[in-house]
Protein backbone atom coordinates (compact mmCIF):
# COMPACT_ATOMS: atom_id res chain seq x y z
CA MET A 1 18.89 -96.47 -61.84
CA PRO A 2 17.40 -93.58 -60.61
CA GLU A 3 18.96 -92.61 -57.26
CA ARG A 4 16.90 -91.73 -54.47
CA PRO A 5 16.12 -88.64 -53.11
CA PRO A 6 17.89 -86.68 -50.08
CA GLU A 7 15.79 -87.20 -47.04
CA PRO A 8 14.46 -83.51 -45.58
CA PRO A 9 16.16 -82.04 -43.23
CA GLU A 10 14.98 -82.20 -39.42
CA ARG A 11 13.26 -79.49 -38.35
CA GLU A 12 13.73 -78.29 -34.43
CA PRO A 13 10.55 -78.72 -32.63
CA PRO A 14 8.66 -74.94 -32.49
CA GLU A 15 9.37 -73.70 -28.83
CA GLU A 16 6.34 -73.69 -26.28
CA LYS A 17 4.81 -70.35 -25.97
CA ASP A 18 4.03 -68.99 -22.76
CA HIS A 19 0.20 -68.79 -21.93
CA PRO A 20 -1.49 -65.17 -21.78
CA PHE A 21 -2.52 -65.35 -18.80
CA LEU A 22 1.40 -65.85 -17.43
CA ARG A 23 2.49 -63.05 -19.86
CA MET A 24 -0.36 -60.75 -17.96
CA LEU A 25 0.89 -61.88 -14.58
CA SER A 26 4.71 -61.46 -15.70
CA GLY A 27 4.03 -57.96 -16.89
CA LEU A 28 1.51 -56.79 -13.85
CA PHE A 29 4.58 -58.12 -11.43
CA THR A 30 7.36 -56.06 -13.52
CA PHE A 31 4.83 -52.99 -13.45
CA PHE A 32 3.64 -53.11 -9.43
CA PHE A 33 7.39 -53.58 -8.57
CA VAL A 34 8.27 -50.54 -10.70
CA LEU A 35 5.35 -48.61 -8.99
CA ALA A 36 6.20 -49.39 -5.78
CA CYS A 37 9.90 -48.65 -6.17
CA LEU A 38 8.66 -45.54 -7.10
CA VAL A 39 6.23 -44.96 -4.28
CA ILE A 40 9.13 -45.75 -1.74
CA GLY A 41 11.29 -43.18 -3.37
CA VAL A 42 9.18 -40.59 -3.50
CA PHE A 43 8.00 -41.19 -0.17
CA TYR A 44 11.37 -41.00 0.96
CA PHE A 45 11.91 -37.78 -0.38
CA VAL A 46 9.11 -36.15 0.64
CA ARG A 47 9.83 -37.57 4.43
CA VAL A 48 13.17 -35.84 3.90
CA GLN A 49 11.93 -32.91 2.95
CA LEU A 50 9.41 -32.65 4.89
CA ASP A 51 11.66 -32.59 7.97
CA GLN A 52 14.43 -29.87 6.12
CA PRO A 53 14.65 -26.96 7.75
CA GLY A 54 12.60 -24.18 6.06
CA PRO A 55 14.03 -20.56 4.14
CA LEU A 56 12.25 -18.72 7.20
CA ASP A 57 14.96 -16.54 8.92
CA THR A 58 13.29 -15.10 11.57
CA SER A 59 10.03 -16.30 12.81
CA THR A 60 7.03 -14.70 10.87
CA VAL A 61 3.46 -14.32 11.17
CA VAL A 62 0.83 -16.33 8.68
CA VAL A 63 -2.68 -15.45 8.11
CA VAL A 64 -4.65 -18.44 6.67
CA PRO A 65 -8.29 -16.21 5.52
CA LYS A 66 -10.87 -18.68 5.80
CA GLY A 67 -12.64 -20.24 3.22
CA GLU A 68 -9.08 -20.45 1.80
CA GLY A 69 -8.56 -24.07 0.00
CA VAL A 70 -5.00 -26.27 0.57
CA THR A 71 -3.94 -25.27 -2.49
CA ALA A 72 -4.12 -21.67 -2.30
CA ILE A 73 -2.49 -21.53 1.22
CA ALA A 74 0.27 -23.96 -0.13
CA GLU A 75 0.87 -21.27 -2.73
CA ARG A 76 0.74 -18.81 0.25
CA LEU A 77 3.15 -20.60 2.18
CA GLU A 78 5.50 -20.65 -1.22
CA ARG A 79 5.24 -16.74 -1.53
CA ASP A 80 5.76 -15.76 1.49
CA GLY A 81 8.88 -17.87 2.38
CA VAL A 82 7.38 -19.88 4.86
CA ILE A 83 8.06 -23.47 2.80
CA ALA A 84 10.42 -24.44 -0.06
CA ASP A 85 8.11 -26.27 -2.59
CA ARG A 86 4.18 -26.10 -2.33
CA ARG A 87 4.40 -29.61 -4.43
CA ILE A 88 5.94 -31.35 -1.23
CA PHE A 89 3.75 -29.60 1.67
CA MET A 90 0.74 -30.80 -0.57
CA THR A 91 2.17 -34.14 -0.73
CA SER A 92 2.40 -34.21 2.58
CA ILE A 93 -1.49 -32.50 3.21
CA LEU A 94 -2.71 -35.65 0.84
CA TYR A 95 -1.16 -38.77 2.83
CA PHE A 96 -1.72 -36.96 6.75
CA MET A 97 -4.99 -35.35 6.02
CA TYR A 98 -6.71 -37.41 3.92
CA LEU A 99 -4.63 -41.14 4.00
CA LYS A 100 -3.89 -40.95 7.92
CA GLY A 101 -6.86 -38.86 8.75
CA TYR A 102 -4.50 -36.42 10.04
CA GLY A 103 -6.98 -33.52 10.38
CA SER A 104 -7.92 -29.87 8.59
CA LEU A 105 -6.28 -26.60 8.02
CA LYS A 106 -7.64 -24.28 9.89
CA ALA A 107 -7.86 -20.62 9.41
CA GLY A 108 -6.42 -18.28 11.75
CA GLU A 109 -2.86 -16.18 12.14
CA TYR A 110 -0.18 -18.15 13.18
CA GLU A 111 3.46 -17.75 14.24
CA VAL A 112 5.89 -19.83 12.43
CA ALA A 113 9.71 -20.25 13.98
CA LYS A 114 12.70 -19.05 12.25
CA HIS A 115 13.92 -22.04 10.48
CA ALA A 116 10.45 -24.21 10.87
CA THR A 117 10.01 -27.59 9.20
CA MET A 118 7.06 -28.05 6.80
CA ARG A 119 6.07 -30.96 9.26
CA ASP A 120 5.80 -27.85 11.98
CA VAL A 121 4.13 -25.61 9.41
CA LEU A 122 1.39 -28.66 8.77
CA ASP A 123 1.23 -29.18 12.55
CA THR A 124 0.62 -25.63 13.41
CA LEU A 125 -1.98 -24.96 10.88
CA VAL A 126 -3.82 -28.37 11.88
CA GLU A 127 -3.21 -27.97 15.78
CA GLY A 128 -5.12 -24.42 15.11
CA LYS A 129 -3.41 -22.62 17.63
CA SER A 130 -3.84 -19.10 16.76
CA ILE A 131 -1.81 -15.76 18.15
CA GLU A 132 -3.29 -14.27 21.14
CA HIS A 133 -1.03 -11.65 21.93
CA LYS A 134 0.15 -8.39 19.77
CA ILE A 135 1.93 -5.02 20.67
CA THR A 136 1.81 -1.30 18.55
CA LEU A 137 5.02 -0.22 18.04
CA PRO A 138 4.02 2.94 16.72
CA GLU A 139 6.14 5.38 14.26
CA GLY A 140 8.41 7.82 14.90
CA LEU A 141 9.74 6.41 18.53
CA THR A 142 12.92 5.98 18.93
CA SER A 143 15.01 2.42 19.00
CA GLN A 144 15.70 2.90 23.01
CA GLN A 145 12.00 3.96 23.55
CA ILE A 146 10.63 0.66 21.38
CA VAL A 147 13.09 -1.67 24.06
CA GLU A 148 11.31 -0.11 26.44
CA ARG A 149 7.92 -0.63 25.00
CA LEU A 150 9.10 -4.35 24.65
CA ARG A 151 11.21 -4.36 27.87
CA GLU A 152 7.39 -3.15 29.70
CA HIS A 153 4.97 -5.83 27.94
CA PRO A 154 4.24 -8.76 30.60
CA GLN A 155 3.38 -11.31 27.29
CA LEU A 156 6.91 -11.08 26.17
CA THR A 157 9.87 -12.57 27.64
CA GLY A 158 13.68 -12.70 27.47
CA GLU A 159 15.45 -9.53 27.37
CA ILE A 160 17.73 -6.91 24.70
CA ALA A 161 21.03 -7.14 24.96
CA GLU A 162 21.83 -3.82 23.12
CA ILE A 163 19.68 -1.02 21.85
CA PRO A 164 19.16 -1.57 17.81
CA PRO A 165 20.86 0.99 15.94
CA GLU A 166 18.41 3.94 14.98
CA GLY A 167 16.40 3.70 11.91
CA THR A 168 16.93 0.08 11.60
CA LEU A 169 13.76 -1.29 12.93
CA LEU A 170 10.08 -0.97 10.89
CA PRO A 171 7.12 -0.07 13.72
CA ASP A 172 3.69 -1.45 13.30
CA THR A 173 1.67 -4.17 15.02
CA TYR A 174 3.01 -7.50 15.22
CA ARG A 175 1.26 -10.61 16.84
CA PHE A 176 3.70 -13.22 18.77
CA GLY A 177 2.88 -16.50 20.60
CA SER A 178 2.73 -16.62 24.32
CA ASP A 179 6.35 -18.04 24.30
CA ASP A 180 7.65 -15.24 22.11
CA SER A 181 10.55 -13.38 22.98
CA ARG A 182 11.54 -9.94 22.90
CA LYS A 183 14.62 -10.82 21.00
CA ASN A 184 12.67 -12.19 18.31
CA ILE A 185 10.19 -9.08 17.68
CA ILE A 186 13.75 -7.30 17.26
CA GLU A 187 14.98 -9.53 14.88
CA ARG A 188 11.36 -9.64 12.98
CA MET A 189 11.33 -5.75 13.10
CA LYS A 190 14.61 -5.51 11.34
CA SER A 191 13.71 -7.93 8.92
CA ALA A 192 10.53 -6.12 7.69
CA GLN A 193 12.42 -2.60 7.51
CA GLN A 194 14.90 -4.23 5.60
CA LYS A 195 12.73 -5.61 2.78
CA PHE A 196 10.28 -2.89 2.86
CA LEU A 197 13.37 -0.63 2.30
CA ALA A 198 14.76 -2.44 -0.60
CA LYS A 199 11.09 -2.68 -1.66
CA MET A 200 10.74 1.09 -2.00
CA TRP A 201 14.62 1.72 -2.90
CA GLU A 202 13.83 0.17 -6.61
CA GLU A 203 10.93 1.79 -7.02
CA ARG A 204 12.32 5.48 -5.81
CA HIS A 205 12.35 9.02 -8.16
CA PRO A 206 15.37 9.57 -10.12
CA ASP A 207 15.99 13.00 -9.17
CA ILE A 208 15.24 12.17 -5.60
CA MET A 209 19.00 13.92 -3.22
CA ILE A 210 19.08 11.22 -1.74
CA ASN A 211 22.34 8.51 -2.65
CA SER A 212 21.47 5.52 -0.43
CA PRO A 213 19.10 3.54 1.42
CA GLU A 214 20.73 4.11 4.44
CA GLU A 215 20.18 8.07 3.65
CA ALA A 216 16.87 7.37 2.80
CA LEU A 217 16.02 6.41 6.36
CA VAL A 218 17.61 9.23 8.04
CA LEU A 219 15.47 11.99 5.84
CA ALA A 220 12.69 9.89 6.44
CA SER A 221 12.94 9.67 10.39
CA ILE A 222 12.87 13.54 10.12
CA VAL A 223 9.66 13.23 8.05
CA GLU A 224 8.23 11.22 10.74
CA LYS A 225 8.96 13.46 13.42
CA GLU A 226 7.81 16.98 11.64
CA THR A 227 4.06 15.78 10.69
CA GLY A 228 1.75 12.99 11.33
CA LYS A 229 -0.94 13.98 8.85
CA ALA A 230 -0.13 11.33 5.70
CA ASP A 231 -1.22 13.46 2.89
CA GLU A 232 1.68 16.11 4.04
CA ARG A 233 4.49 13.74 4.32
CA PRO A 234 4.95 13.88 0.41
CA HIS A 235 4.67 17.58 0.63
CA VAL A 236 6.88 17.95 3.88
CA ALA A 237 10.10 15.68 1.95
CA SER A 238 9.72 17.91 -1.06
CA VAL A 239 10.63 20.66 0.83
CA PHE A 240 13.98 19.16 2.06
CA HIS A 241 14.73 17.81 -1.02
CA ASN A 242 14.29 21.35 -2.28
CA ARG A 243 16.26 22.80 0.06
CA LEU A 244 19.45 20.29 -0.58
CA LYS A 245 19.24 21.25 -3.91
CA LYS A 246 19.54 24.60 -3.45
CA LYS A 247 22.02 23.95 -0.75
CA MET A 248 20.45 25.11 1.99
CA ARG A 249 20.45 23.88 5.47
CA LEU A 250 17.58 21.72 6.61
CA GLN A 251 16.48 23.43 9.80
CA SER A 252 14.21 20.88 11.14
CA ASP A 253 13.64 21.10 14.97
CA PRO A 254 13.19 17.44 15.62
CA THR A 255 17.00 17.50 14.55
CA ILE A 256 18.06 20.06 17.69
CA ILE A 257 16.20 17.75 20.04
CA TYR A 258 17.63 14.43 19.21
CA GLY A 259 20.85 16.00 19.23
CA LEU A 260 20.59 17.19 22.67
CA PHE A 261 18.68 14.05 24.37
CA GLY A 262 19.56 11.52 21.70
CA GLY A 263 17.12 8.17 21.72
CA SER A 264 15.37 9.47 25.20
CA GLY A 265 13.00 11.59 23.83
CA MET A 266 13.09 13.25 26.79
CA ARG A 267 12.15 17.19 26.68
CA ASP A 268 10.05 19.33 29.47
CA HIS A 269 9.77 22.39 27.58
CA PRO A 270 10.15 24.40 24.11
CA ILE A 271 13.55 24.87 22.49
CA THR A 272 15.68 27.67 23.74
CA ARG A 273 17.71 30.12 21.63
CA GLU A 274 20.84 28.24 23.70
CA GLU A 275 19.14 24.67 22.32
CA LEU A 276 19.10 26.15 18.90
CA ASP A 277 22.65 27.24 18.72
CA ARG A 278 24.07 24.61 20.65
CA GLU A 279 26.81 22.63 18.28
CA THR A 280 25.56 18.74 18.08
CA PRO A 281 26.40 16.27 14.98
CA PHE A 282 22.47 16.55 14.78
CA ASN A 283 21.34 19.88 14.94
CA THR A 284 20.58 20.94 11.26
CA TYR A 285 20.50 24.97 11.57
CA LYS A 286 24.25 24.19 12.29
CA ILE A 287 25.11 21.16 10.08
CA ASP A 288 24.99 21.25 6.35
CA GLY A 289 22.83 18.16 4.97
CA LEU A 290 21.62 15.22 6.65
CA PRO A 291 22.48 14.41 10.46
CA PRO A 292 24.91 11.51 10.78
CA THR A 293 21.77 9.20 11.50
CA PRO A 294 18.23 8.95 11.59
CA ILE A 295 16.95 10.46 14.46
CA ALA A 296 14.10 8.03 14.87
CA ASN A 297 12.03 4.83 13.28
CA PRO A 298 10.37 6.12 10.47
CA GLY A 299 7.19 4.26 9.16
CA ARG A 300 6.34 3.48 5.52
CA ALA A 301 4.33 6.01 4.46
CA ALA A 302 7.76 8.47 5.81
CA ILE A 303 9.73 6.01 3.48
CA GLU A 304 7.68 5.90 0.64
CA ALA A 305 7.76 10.19 0.66
CA VAL A 306 10.71 10.47 1.13
CA LEU A 307 11.69 8.34 -1.94
CA LYS A 308 8.68 9.80 -4.05
CA PRO A 309 8.08 13.28 -2.68
CA ALA A 310 5.67 15.45 -4.09
CA LYS A 311 6.80 17.81 -6.82
CA SER A 312 6.59 21.36 -5.49
CA ASP A 313 8.35 25.18 -4.93
CA TYR A 314 8.48 24.55 -1.04
CA LEU A 315 10.81 25.53 1.13
CA TYR A 316 9.09 26.49 3.94
CA PHE A 317 6.79 25.10 6.41
CA CYS A 318 5.07 26.04 9.49
CA ALA A 319 2.29 25.00 11.98
CA ASP A 320 -1.24 26.21 11.00
CA GLY A 321 -3.07 25.48 13.88
CA THR A 322 -5.32 23.21 12.24
CA GLY A 323 -2.65 20.28 13.29
CA GLY A 324 -0.84 20.68 9.65
CA HIS A 325 1.37 22.94 8.12
CA ALA A 326 1.01 25.91 5.79
CA PHE A 327 3.73 25.73 2.93
CA ALA A 328 5.23 28.32 1.52
CA THR A 329 7.82 28.99 -1.66
CA THR A 330 9.20 32.49 -0.58
CA LEU A 331 10.75 33.67 2.61
CA ALA A 332 8.34 36.62 2.48
CA GLU A 333 5.16 34.30 2.19
CA HIS A 334 6.87 31.98 5.58
CA ASN A 335 7.05 34.67 7.64
CA LYS A 336 3.33 35.78 6.86
CA ASN A 337 2.56 32.18 7.96
CA VAL A 338 4.74 32.43 11.10
CA ALA A 339 2.91 35.96 12.09
CA ARG A 340 -1.08 34.32 11.44
CA TRP A 341 0.54 31.12 13.72
CA ARG A 342 1.60 33.54 16.03
CA GLU A 343 -1.48 34.68 16.50
CA ILE A 344 -3.29 31.37 17.13
CA GLU A 345 -0.57 30.47 19.76
CA ARG A 346 -1.76 33.94 21.30
CA GLU A 347 -5.49 32.66 21.47
CA ILE A 348 -4.08 29.31 22.63
CA ARG A 349 -2.27 30.99 25.38
CA ALA A 350 -5.59 33.23 26.67
CA ARG A 351 -7.53 30.19 26.28
CA GLN A 352 -6.10 27.87 28.51
CA ALA A 353 -5.06 30.84 30.64
CA GLU A 354 -9.00 30.94 30.99
CA GLU A 355 -9.34 27.22 31.39
CA ALA A 356 -7.17 26.84 34.31
CA ALA A 357 -8.40 30.10 35.91
CA ALA A 358 -11.80 28.02 36.12
CA ALA A 359 -10.63 24.83 36.83
CA ALA A 360 -8.83 26.35 39.84
CA ALA A 361 -11.58 28.62 40.58
CA ALA A 362 -13.39 25.58 40.87
CA ALA A 363 -11.23 23.50 43.09
CA ALA A 364 -11.04 26.17 45.46
CA ALA A 365 -14.96 26.18 45.56
CA ALA A 366 -15.26 22.87 46.36
CA THR A 367 -13.02 23.03 48.85
CA ASP A 368 -13.30 26.00 50.75
CA PRO A 369 -15.64 28.51 49.09
CA ALA A 370 -14.38 31.50 51.56
CA ALA A 371 -11.66 31.28 49.62
CA VAL A 372 -13.02 32.37 46.44
CA THR A 373 -12.05 35.90 45.23
CA PRO A 374 -14.51 37.03 42.99
CA GLY A 375 -13.67 38.56 39.81
CA VAL A 376 -10.50 36.94 39.88
CA THR A 377 -9.56 34.62 36.31
CA GLY A 378 -5.72 34.92 35.75
CA ALA A 379 -3.68 31.80 36.24
CA PRO A 380 -0.01 31.51 37.43
CA ALA A 381 2.63 32.62 34.31
CA ASP A 382 4.80 30.15 32.64
CA PRO A 383 7.92 30.76 33.77
CA ALA A 384 9.31 30.24 29.80
CA ALA A 385 6.78 33.01 28.56
CA THR A 386 8.36 35.11 31.39
CA ASP A 387 12.07 34.89 31.04
CA PRO A 388 13.38 37.22 28.47
CA ALA A 389 16.91 35.23 28.59
CA ASN A 390 15.14 32.00 27.65
CA PRO A 391 13.34 33.03 24.00
CA ALA A 392 12.15 30.27 21.75
CA PRO A 393 13.89 29.95 18.62
CA VAL A 394 11.89 30.51 15.11
CA ALA A 395 12.43 27.06 12.60
CA ALA A 396 12.29 28.20 8.99
CA THR A 397 10.70 24.75 8.84
CA ALA A 398 8.66 24.80 12.24
CA GLY A 399 7.10 20.98 12.71
CA ALA A 400 5.06 18.34 14.61
CA GLU A 401 7.20 19.24 17.81
CA ALA A 402 6.42 22.94 18.16
CA GLN A 403 2.70 21.70 17.46
CA ALA A 404 2.25 18.40 19.26
CA SER A 405 2.77 20.34 23.15
CA ALA A 406 0.68 23.08 22.15
CA ARG A 407 2.55 25.29 24.09
CA PRO A 408 3.56 28.89 22.85
CA PRO A 409 6.97 29.96 22.25
CA ALA A 410 8.85 31.81 24.87
CA ASP A 411 7.90 35.43 23.34
CA ALA A 412 4.98 35.33 21.31
CA ASN A 413 4.79 39.10 20.47
CA THR A 414 8.24 38.95 18.91
CA GLN A 415 8.23 38.76 15.09
CA PRO A 416 10.26 35.92 14.25
CA ALA A 417 13.89 37.13 12.15
CA PRO A 418 14.15 35.21 8.97
CA VAL A 419 15.76 32.28 8.78
CA GLN A 420 17.74 31.22 5.40
CA GLY A 421 19.68 28.91 4.05
CA PRO A 422 23.64 28.85 4.27
CA ALA A 423 25.99 31.23 2.29
CA VAL A 424 28.48 28.23 1.53
CA PRO A 425 27.85 25.52 -0.51
CA MET A 426 26.39 22.06 1.25
CA PRO A 427 28.65 19.43 0.11
CA ARG A 428 27.14 16.40 -0.87
CA ARG A 429 27.23 12.98 1.56
CA LYS A 430 28.87 10.22 0.22
CA PRO A 431 26.92 7.04 0.13
CA GLN A 432 26.91 4.68 2.81
CA PRO A 433 28.66 1.55 2.24
């Protein structure tokens, strides 16, 4: 009898699958949970970064032009070193301005404090409290003179403990807030000078007779004091470079004045022969090479002229009577320029005497008509012009000092003796550390 076939194995009942809607809910829940965690993490990170001290080492001024968009403003702030990351700044703007209704960024000029946080910067730009004050510190002032001007400004606060080293301040117009301090302006001037000098040093001409940025400041301060004309500075700088190459002394009048009076700038008479012959560490008629320190604080144009001088063979220059200078390559040519300047000086002296006499006569007529003596046109003599023991020197590179004073030398009828470079070689200065 045939055997009965075996029973088929029992099958496990199929698992019940989740409903598609439930699976969708589960996926959405997971997605939003991860998204929420991500948003919280980003929010926390941005908030921490928003309150971190900023990269500014000194306070600075931020200019927001009219019509500039939020993205452009953020990029400008990052480029100027005011904020560390424009993306975080943009994120904070999106949150505070568009979600919280915080306000909008306003155009203007703003002071940003040292190490200001991104929150501080955002608050400043939203509040729109622009700078109200400014101070202009011209090129060529000594550090002592700059400190004196800062002390005289009524809107500045605080004291300056010591005079900064000569040449370390960049002359310019500086804007500041109502509660800003004098020390802060000094720090900004130092920082601006360091940044500009470093930039120009990288772009310097390779064949200049300057071995370090410090030496560049020394020579730039001399150029600054020699001429106030922008188009002349590269040529004046070339004269000094050429003299250094030929181991000639610089023979610059402003170095005599600084050696005698220092940073005070005090001088009430033309340079005398005795002052020219006086030994000081700054008198470039007596020393070889550059003075030990700058004699003033040079501006951007003077620094650039020294590091990018004009190409010339000039070795001399003197005032030409028009506010500028006449340049020469030979001593004979220079002596002709000096003789021409002497004629101009005599004309200036005669005109000043006539004007003084006319003014004195007018004043006398106004007070006492009977005291006027007809035909008298003379004026009191200049003591310096009649004292043979106090003659004025003639500089091989007569500069802006004599010209600015508009006073002739002690003996305008005396032809100047030629001034040449030293007979002994001039040692090159070593770069300062």
